[in-house]
Amino acid sequence: MFFTFVIAQAFLSMLCVMKSGIFFFFSAWIVVMGLFALFFVPETKGVSIDDIKDSVWKRHWYWKRFMHQNDEHDR
C-alpha cells in the first residue's frame, strides 16, 4: 500500500512533466513485471501444496540453486 501511495502522489507531477511519455513509462514497467513472472514464477497448476517444493522449486532453472538437495526438513 505504501508504493500505491507513492505512485498516486507522483502521478500528477509525472504527467505534467512527461505528458504522453507517462504511458510508455508505466507500460515499460508492465513489460518488466510480465517478463519477471514469465521467467521466475514457476507454473503450479495441478501440483498439490505438499509437492510444490520438490516438483516445482527444485526443478526451476533459477530457484534450484537456492534449494538444498538434502534438507533435514523434508524428512
PDB file of N, CA and C in Angstrom:
ATOM      1  N   MET A   1       0.816  -1.189   0.000  1.00  0.00           N
ATOM      2  CA  MET A   1       0.000   0.000   0.000  1.00  0.00           C
ATOM      3  C   MET A   1       0.865   1.261   0.000  1.00  0.00           C
ATOM      4  N   PHE A   2       2.047   1.145   0.560  1.00  0.00           N
ATOM      5  CA  PHE A   2       2.939   2.296   0.574  1.00  0.00           C
ATOM      6  C   PHE A   2       3.320   2.720  -0.838  1.00  0.00           C
ATOM      7  N   PHE A   3       3.655   1.732  -1.683  1.00  0.00           N
ATOM      8  CA  PHE A   3       4.058   2.068  -3.052  1.00  0.00           C
ATOM      9  C   PHE A   3       2.881   2.581  -3.878  1.00  0.00           C
ATOM     10  N   THR A   4       1.676   2.115  -3.591  1.00  0.00           N
ATOM     11  CA  THR A   4       0.492   2.662  -4.246  1.00  0.00           C
ATOM     12  C   THR A   4       0.327   4.132  -3.884  1.00  0.00           C
ATOM     13  N   PHE A   5       0.562   4.455  -2.623  1.00  0.00           N
ATOM     14  CA  PHE A   5       0.504   5.846  -2.174  1.00  0.00           C
ATOM     15  C   PHE A   5       1.564   6.688  -2.879  1.00  0.00           C
ATOM     16  N   VAL A   6       2.783   6.164  -2.992  1.00  0.00           N
ATOM     17  CA  VAL A   6       3.866   6.897  -3.652  1.00  0.00           C
ATOM     18  C   VAL A   6       3.536   7.150  -5.121  1.00  0.00           C
ATOM     19  N   ILE A   7       3.027   6.135  -5.797  1.00  0.00           N
ATOM     20  CA  ILE A   7       2.663   6.304  -7.207  1.00  0.00           C
ATOM     21  C   ILE A   7       1.537   7.320  -7.357  1.00  0.00           C
ATOM     22  N   ALA A   8       0.547   7.253  -6.476  1.00  0.00           N
ATOM     23  CA  ALA A   8      -0.564   8.216  -6.546  1.00  0.00           C
ATOM     24  C   ALA A   8      -0.083   9.643  -6.323  1.00  0.00           C
ATOM     25  N   GLN A   9       0.871   9.831  -5.424  1.00  0.00           N
ATOM     26  CA  GLN A   9       1.383  11.173  -5.160  1.00  0.00           C
ATOM     27  C   GLN A   9       2.260  11.688  -6.302  1.00  0.00           C
ATOM     28  N   ALA A  10       2.981  10.797  -6.948  1.00  0.00           N
ATOM     29  CA  ALA A  10       3.907  11.214  -8.003  1.00  0.00           C
ATOM     30  C   ALA A  10       3.249  11.288  -9.374  1.00  0.00           C
ATOM     31  N   PHE A  11       2.076  10.690  -9.528  1.00  0.00           N
ATOM     32  CA  PHE A  11       1.478  10.562 -10.857  1.00  0.00           C
ATOM     33  C   PHE A  11       1.213  11.922 -11.516  1.00  0.00           C
ATOM     34  N   LEU A  12       0.594  12.839 -10.826  1.00  0.00           N
ATOM     35  CA  LEU A  12       0.268  14.130 -11.447  1.00  0.00           C
ATOM     36  C   LEU A  12       1.518  14.920 -11.820  1.00  0.00           C
ATOM     37  N   SER A  13       2.520  14.902 -10.968  1.00  0.00           N
ATOM     38  CA  SER A  13       3.775  15.593 -11.294  1.00  0.00           C
ATOM     39  C   SER A  13       4.434  14.960 -12.513  1.00  0.00           C
ATOM     40  N   MET A  14       4.421  13.627 -12.553  1.00  0.00           N
ATOM     41  CA  MET A  14       4.998  12.931 -13.706  1.00  0.00           C
ATOM     42  C   MET A  14       4.202  13.224 -14.970  1.00  0.00           C
ATOM     43  N   LEU A  15       2.884  13.295 -14.851  1.00  0.00           N
ATOM     44  CA  LEU A  15       2.037  13.579 -16.008  1.00  0.00           C
ATOM     45  C   LEU A  15       2.335  14.959 -16.579  1.00  0.00           C
ATOM     46  N   CYS A  16       2.539  15.947 -15.708  1.00  0.00           N
ATOM     47  CA  CYS A  16       2.840  17.301 -16.178  1.00  0.00           C
ATOM     48  C   CYS A  16       4.192  17.366 -16.887  1.00  0.00           C
ATOM     49  N   VAL A  17       5.156  16.608 -16.404  1.00  0.00           N
ATOM     50  CA  VAL A  17       6.500  16.659 -16.983  1.00  0.00           C
ATOM     51  C   VAL A  17       6.604  15.766 -18.216  1.00  0.00           C
ATOM     52  N   MET A  18       6.091  14.541 -18.110  1.00  0.00           N
ATOM     53  CA  MET A  18       6.298  13.552 -19.164  1.00  0.00           C
ATOM     54  C   MET A  18       5.214  13.567 -20.238  1.00  0.00           C
ATOM     55  N   LYS A  19       4.058  14.147 -19.924  1.00  0.00           N
ATOM     56  CA  LYS A  19       2.903  14.185 -20.822  1.00  0.00           C
ATOM     57  C   LYS A  19       2.551  12.774 -21.306  1.00  0.00           C
ATOM     58  N   SER A  20       2.592  12.493 -22.573  1.00  0.00           N
ATOM     59  CA  SER A  20       2.198  11.163 -23.041  1.00  0.00           C
ATOM     60  C   SER A  20       3.279  10.120 -22.763  1.00  0.00           C
ATOM     61  N   GLY A  21       4.466  10.552 -22.395  1.00  0.00           N
ATOM     62  CA  GLY A  21       5.544   9.627 -22.062  1.00  0.00           C
ATOM     63  C   GLY A  21       5.250   8.799 -20.825  1.00  0.00           C
ATOM     64  N   ILE A  22       4.315   9.271 -20.000  1.00  0.00           N
ATOM     65  CA  ILE A  22       3.960   8.511 -18.806  1.00  0.00           C
ATOM     66  C   ILE A  22       3.325   7.175 -19.189  1.00  0.00           C
ATOM     67  N   PHE A  23       2.640   7.144 -20.329  1.00  0.00           N
ATOM     68  CA  PHE A  23       2.078   5.889 -20.820  1.00  0.00           C
ATOM     69  C   PHE A  23       3.197   4.889 -21.094  1.00  0.00           C
ATOM     70  N   PHE A  24       4.258   5.325 -21.741  1.00  0.00           N
ATOM     71  CA  PHE A  24       5.376   4.455 -22.057  1.00  0.00           C
ATOM     72  C   PHE A  24       6.149   4.055 -20.797  1.00  0.00           C
ATOM     73  N   PHE A  25       6.221   4.951 -19.825  1.00  0.00           N
ATOM     74  CA  PHE A  25       6.882   4.647 -18.559  1.00  0.00           C
ATOM     75  C   PHE A  25       6.176   3.489 -17.852  1.00  0.00           C
ATOM     76  N   PHE A  26       4.866   3.589 -17.688  1.00  0.00           N
ATOM     77  CA  PHE A  26       4.130   2.533 -16.997  1.00  0.00           C
ATOM     78  C   PHE A  26       4.010   1.273 -17.848  1.00  0.00           C
ATOM     79  N   SER A  27       3.938   1.407 -19.153  1.00  0.00           N
ATOM     80  CA  SER A  27       3.877   0.208 -19.992  1.00  0.00           C
ATOM     81  C   SER A  27       5.214  -0.541 -19.966  1.00  0.00           C
ATOM     82  N   ALA A  28       6.324   0.177 -19.838  1.00  0.00           N
ATOM     83  CA  ALA A  28       7.625  -0.481 -19.716  1.00  0.00           C
ATOM     84  C   ALA A  28       7.693  -1.278 -18.420  1.00  0.00           C
ATOM     85  N   TRP A  29       7.147  -0.742 -17.333  1.00  0.00           N
ATOM     86  CA  TRP A  29       7.121  -1.484 -16.070  1.00  0.00           C
ATOM     87  C   TRP A  29       6.229  -2.711 -16.155  1.00  0.00           C
ATOM     88  N   ILE A  30       5.142  -2.617 -16.894  1.00  0.00           N
ATOM     89  CA  ILE A  30       4.275  -3.778 -17.085  1.00  0.00           C
ATOM     90  C   ILE A  30       5.015  -4.872 -17.858  1.00  0.00           C
ATOM     91  N   VAL A  31       5.794  -4.482 -18.851  1.00  0.00           N
ATOM     92  CA  VAL A  31       6.589  -5.463 -19.603  1.00  0.00           C
ATOM     93  C   VAL A  31       7.629  -6.109 -18.693  1.00  0.00           C
ATOM     94  N   VAL A  32       8.302  -5.317 -17.863  1.00  0.00           N
ATOM     95  CA  VAL A  32       9.299  -5.848 -16.931  1.00  0.00           C
ATOM     96  C   VAL A  32       8.643  -6.835 -15.964  1.00  0.00           C
ATOM     97  N   MET A  33       7.490  -6.478 -15.410  1.00  0.00           N
ATOM     98  CA  MET A  33       6.804  -7.371 -14.472  1.00  0.00           C
ATOM     99  C   MET A  33       6.314  -8.633 -15.167  1.00  0.00           C
ATOM    100  N   GLY A  34       5.860  -8.509 -16.390  1.00  0.00           N
ATOM    101  CA  GLY A  34       5.417  -9.674 -17.141  1.00  0.00           C
ATOM    102  C   GLY A  34       6.555 -10.632 -17.440  1.00  0.00           C
ATOM    103  N   LEU A  35       7.709 -10.092 -17.811  1.00  0.00           N
ATOM    104  CA  LEU A  35       8.877 -10.934 -18.065  1.00  0.00           C
ATOM    105  C   LEU A  35       9.367 -11.609 -16.787  1.00  0.00           C
ATOM    106  N   PHE A  36       9.309 -10.882 -15.676  1.00  0.00           N
ATOM    107  CA  PHE A  36       9.681 -11.488 -14.400  1.00  0.00           C
ATOM    108  C   PHE A  36       8.760 -12.664 -14.081  1.00  0.00           C
ATOM    109  N   ALA A  37       7.472 -12.475 -14.243  1.00  0.00           N
ATOM    110  CA  ALA A  37       6.519 -13.561 -13.972  1.00  0.00           C
ATOM    111  C   ALA A  37       6.721 -14.720 -14.935  1.00  0.00           C
ATOM    112  N   LEU A  38       7.011 -14.431 -16.167  1.00  0.00           N
ATOM    113  CA  LEU A  38       7.196 -15.478 -17.166  1.00  0.00           C
ATOM    114  C   LEU A  38       8.414 -16.350 -16.872  1.00  0.00           C
ATOM    115  N   PHE A  39       9.518 -15.727 -16.458  1.00  0.00           N
ATOM    116  CA  PHE A  39      10.760 -16.464 -16.282  1.00  0.00           C
ATOM    117  C   PHE A  39      11.044 -16.915 -14.848  1.00  0.00           C
ATOM    118  N   PHE A  40      10.520 -16.216 -13.849  1.00  0.00           N
ATOM    119  CA  PHE A  40      10.904 -16.510 -12.471  1.00  0.00           C
ATOM    120  C   PHE A  40       9.791 -17.057 -11.592  1.00  0.00           C
ATOM    121  N   VAL A  41       8.549 -17.064 -12.044  1.00  0.00           N
ATOM    122  CA  VAL A  41       7.453 -17.613 -11.257  1.00  0.00           C
ATOM    123  C   VAL A  41       7.008 -18.899 -11.936  1.00  0.00           C
ATOM    124  N   PRO A  42       7.316 -20.044 -11.329  1.00  0.00           N
ATOM    125  CA  PRO A  42       7.006 -21.316 -11.986  1.00  0.00           C
ATOM    126  C   PRO A  42       5.511 -21.636 -11.959  1.00  0.00           C
ATOM    127  N   GLU A  43       5.092 -22.434 -12.921  1.00  0.00           N
ATOM    128  CA  GLU A  43       3.699 -22.876 -13.012  1.00  0.00           C
ATOM    129  C   GLU A  43       3.424 -23.910 -11.939  1.00  0.00           C
ATOM    130  N   THR A  44       2.323 -23.753 -11.205  1.00  0.00           N
ATOM    131  CA  THR A  44       1.968 -24.693 -10.143  1.00  0.00           C
ATOM    132  C   THR A  44       0.606 -25.334 -10.384  1.00  0.00           C
ATOM    133  N   LYS A  45       0.082 -25.220 -11.582  1.00  0.00           N
ATOM    134  CA  LYS A  45      -1.223 -25.794 -11.881  1.00  0.00           C
ATOM    135  C   LYS A  45      -1.161 -27.318 -11.790  1.00  0.00           C
ATOM    136  N   GLY A  46      -2.082 -27.888 -11.034  1.00  0.00           N
ATOM    137  CA  GLY A  46      -2.164 -29.327 -10.902  1.00  0.00           C
ATOM    138  C   GLY A  46      -1.174 -29.935  -9.919  1.00  0.00           C
ATOM    139  N   VAL A  47      -0.425 -29.092  -9.197  1.00  0.00           N
ATOM    140  CA  VAL A  47       0.545 -29.589  -8.232  1.00  0.00           C
ATOM    141  C   VAL A  47      -0.008 -29.338  -6.831  1.00  0.00           C
ATOM    142  N   SER A  48      -0.005 -30.369  -5.995  1.00  0.00           N
ATOM    143  CA  SER A  48      -0.520 -30.188  -4.639  1.00  0.00           C
ATOM    144  C   SER A  48       0.436 -29.323  -3.830  1.00  0.00           C
ATOM    145  N   ILE A  49      -0.093 -28.716  -2.788  1.00  0.00           N
ATOM    146  CA  ILE A  49       0.708 -27.800  -1.975  1.00  0.00           C
ATOM    147  C   ILE A  49       1.883 -28.514  -1.310  1.00  0.00           C
ATOM    148  N   ASP A  50       1.726 -29.796  -1.031  1.00  0.00           N
ATOM    149  CA  ASP A  50       2.801 -30.551  -0.394  1.00  0.00           C
ATOM    150  C   ASP A  50       3.937 -30.870  -1.358  1.00  0.00           C
ATOM    151  N   ASP A  51       3.650 -30.934  -2.639  1.00  0.00           N
ATOM    152  CA  ASP A  51       4.649 -31.304  -3.635  1.00  0.00           C
ATOM    153  C   ASP A  51       5.311 -30.118  -4.327  1.00  0.00           C
ATOM    154  N   ILE A  52       4.916 -28.915  -3.976  1.00  0.00           N
ATOM    155  CA  ILE A  52       5.439 -27.736  -4.686  1.00  0.00           C
ATOM    156  C   ILE A  52       6.945 -27.596  -4.510  1.00  0.00           C
ATOM    157  N   LYS A  53       7.449 -27.824  -3.302  1.00  0.00           N
ATOM    158  CA  LYS A  53       8.884 -27.652  -3.071  1.00  0.00           C
ATOM    159  C   LYS A  53       9.705 -28.636  -3.903  1.00  0.00           C
ATOM    160  N   ASP A  54       9.281 -29.881  -3.923  1.00  0.00           N
ATOM    161  CA  ASP A  54      10.054 -30.894  -4.638  1.00  0.00           C
ATOM    162  C   ASP A  54       9.873 -30.835  -6.147  1.00  0.00           C
ATOM    163  N   SER A  55       8.651 -30.666  -6.597  1.00  0.00           N
ATOM    164  CA  SER A  55       8.412 -30.785  -8.029  1.00  0.00           C
ATOM    165  C   SER A  55       8.475 -29.461  -8.787  1.00  0.00           C
ATOM    166  N   VAL A  56       8.460 -28.347  -8.073  1.00  0.00           N
ATOM    167  CA  VAL A  56       8.466 -27.055  -8.771  1.00  0.00           C
ATOM    168  C   VAL A  56       9.745 -26.275  -8.488  1.00  0.00           C
ATOM    169  N   TRP A  57      10.011 -25.964  -7.234  1.00  0.00           N
ATOM    170  CA  TRP A  57      11.132 -25.092  -6.904  1.00  0.00           C
ATOM    171  C   TRP A  57      12.484 -25.758  -7.143  1.00  0.00           C
ATOM    172  N   LYS A  58      12.599 -27.046  -6.839  1.00  0.00           N
ATOM    173  CA  LYS A  58      13.885 -27.726  -7.018  1.00  0.00           C
ATOM    174  C   LYS A  58      14.214 -27.989  -8.480  1.00  0.00           C
ATOM    175  N   ARG A  59      13.249 -27.923  -9.370  1.00  0.00           N
ATOM    176  CA  ARG A  59      13.493 -28.165 -10.803  1.00  0.00           C
ATOM    177  C   ARG A  59      13.569 -26.889 -11.635  1.00  0.00           C
ATOM    178  N   HIS A  60      13.221 -25.747 -11.044  1.00  0.00           N
ATOM    179  CA  HIS A  60      13.239 -24.480 -11.781  1.00  0.00           C
ATOM    180  C   HIS A  60      14.681 -24.083 -12.074  1.00  0.00           C
ATOM    181  N   TRP A  61      14.935 -23.545 -13.258  1.00  0.00           N
ATOM    182  CA  TRP A  61      16.300 -23.251 -13.703  1.00  0.00           C
ATOM    183  C   TRP A  61      17.007 -22.228 -12.820  1.00  0.00           C
ATOM    184  N   TYR A  62      16.287 -21.323 -12.183  1.00  0.00           N
ATOM    185  CA  TYR A  62      16.923 -20.306 -11.348  1.00  0.00           C
ATOM    186  C   TYR A  62      16.831 -20.637  -9.862  1.00  0.00           C
ATOM    187  N   TRP A  63      15.659 -21.014  -9.393  1.00  0.00           N
ATOM    188  CA  TRP A  63      15.435 -21.202  -7.968  1.00  0.00           C
ATOM    189  C   TRP A  63      16.076 -22.467  -7.415  1.00  0.00           C
ATOM    190  N   LYS A  64      16.456 -23.397  -8.270  1.00  0.00           N
ATOM    191  CA  LYS A  64      17.048 -24.632  -7.759  1.00  0.00           C
ATOM    192  C   LYS A  64      18.392 -24.394  -7.074  1.00  0.00           C
ATOM    193  N   ARG A  65      19.078 -23.318  -7.415  1.00  0.00           N
ATOM    194  CA  ARG A  65      20.363 -23.044  -6.758  1.00  0.00           C
ATOM    195  C   ARG A  65      20.186 -22.605  -5.308  1.00  0.00           C
ATOM    196  N   PHE A  66      18.984 -22.205  -4.923  1.00  0.00           N
ATOM    197  CA  PHE A  66      18.706 -21.817  -3.545  1.00  0.00           C
ATOM    198  C   PHE A  66      18.071 -22.935  -2.737  1.00  0.00           C
ATOM    199  N   MET A  67      17.749 -24.032  -3.377  1.00  0.00           N
ATOM    200  CA  MET A  67      17.127 -25.172  -2.710  1.00  0.00           C
ATOM    201  C   MET A  67      18.194 -26.221  -2.436  1.00  0.00           C
ATOM    202  N   HIS A  68      18.260 -26.699  -1.225  1.00  0.00           N
ATOM    203  CA  HIS A  68      19.229 -27.729  -0.861  1.00  0.00           C
ATOM    204  C   HIS A  68      18.656 -29.090  -1.227  1.00  0.00           C
ATOM    205  N   GLN A  69      19.464 -29.943  -1.754  1.00  0.00           N
ATOM    206  CA  GLN A  69      19.012 -31.272  -2.182  1.00  0.00           C
ATOM    207  C   GLN A  69      18.640 -32.149  -1.002  1.00  0.00           C
ATOM    208  N   ASN A  70      19.361 -32.053   0.086  1.00  0.00           N
ATOM    209  CA  ASN A  70      19.116 -32.928   1.241  1.00  0.00           C
ATOM    210  C   ASN A  70      18.713 -32.100   2.456  1.00  0.00           C
ATOM    211  N   ASP A  71      17.553 -31.451   2.371  1.00  0.00           N
ATOM    212  CA  ASP A  71      17.058 -30.693   3.507  1.00  0.00           C
ATOM    213  C   ASP A  71      16.641 -31.636   4.632  1.00  0.00           C
ATOM    214  N   GLU A  72      16.976 -31.278   5.858  1.00  0.00           N
ATOM    215  CA  GLU A  72      16.540 -32.063   7.011  1.00  0.00           C
ATOM    216  C   GLU A  72      15.036 -31.901   7.228  1.00  0.00           C
ATOM    217  N   HIS A  73      14.483 -30.780   6.773  1.00  0.00           N
ATOM    218  CA  HIS A  73      13.057 -30.515   6.969  1.00  0.00           C
ATOM    219  C   HIS A  73      12.198 -31.333   6.041  1.00  0.00           C
ATOM    220  N   ASP A  74      12.765 -31.888   4.974  1.00  0.00           N
ATOM    221  CA  ASP A  74      11.996 -32.676   4.021  1.00  0.00           C
ATOM    222  C   ASP A  74      11.597 -34.033   4.593  1.00  0.00           C
ATOM    223  N   ARG A  75      12.331 -34.496   5.556  1.00  0.00           N
ATOM    224  CA  ARG A  75      12.090 -35.840   6.084  1.00  0.00           C
ATOM    225  C   ARG A  75      11.033 -35.873   7.117  1.00  0.00           C
TER     226      ARG A  75
END
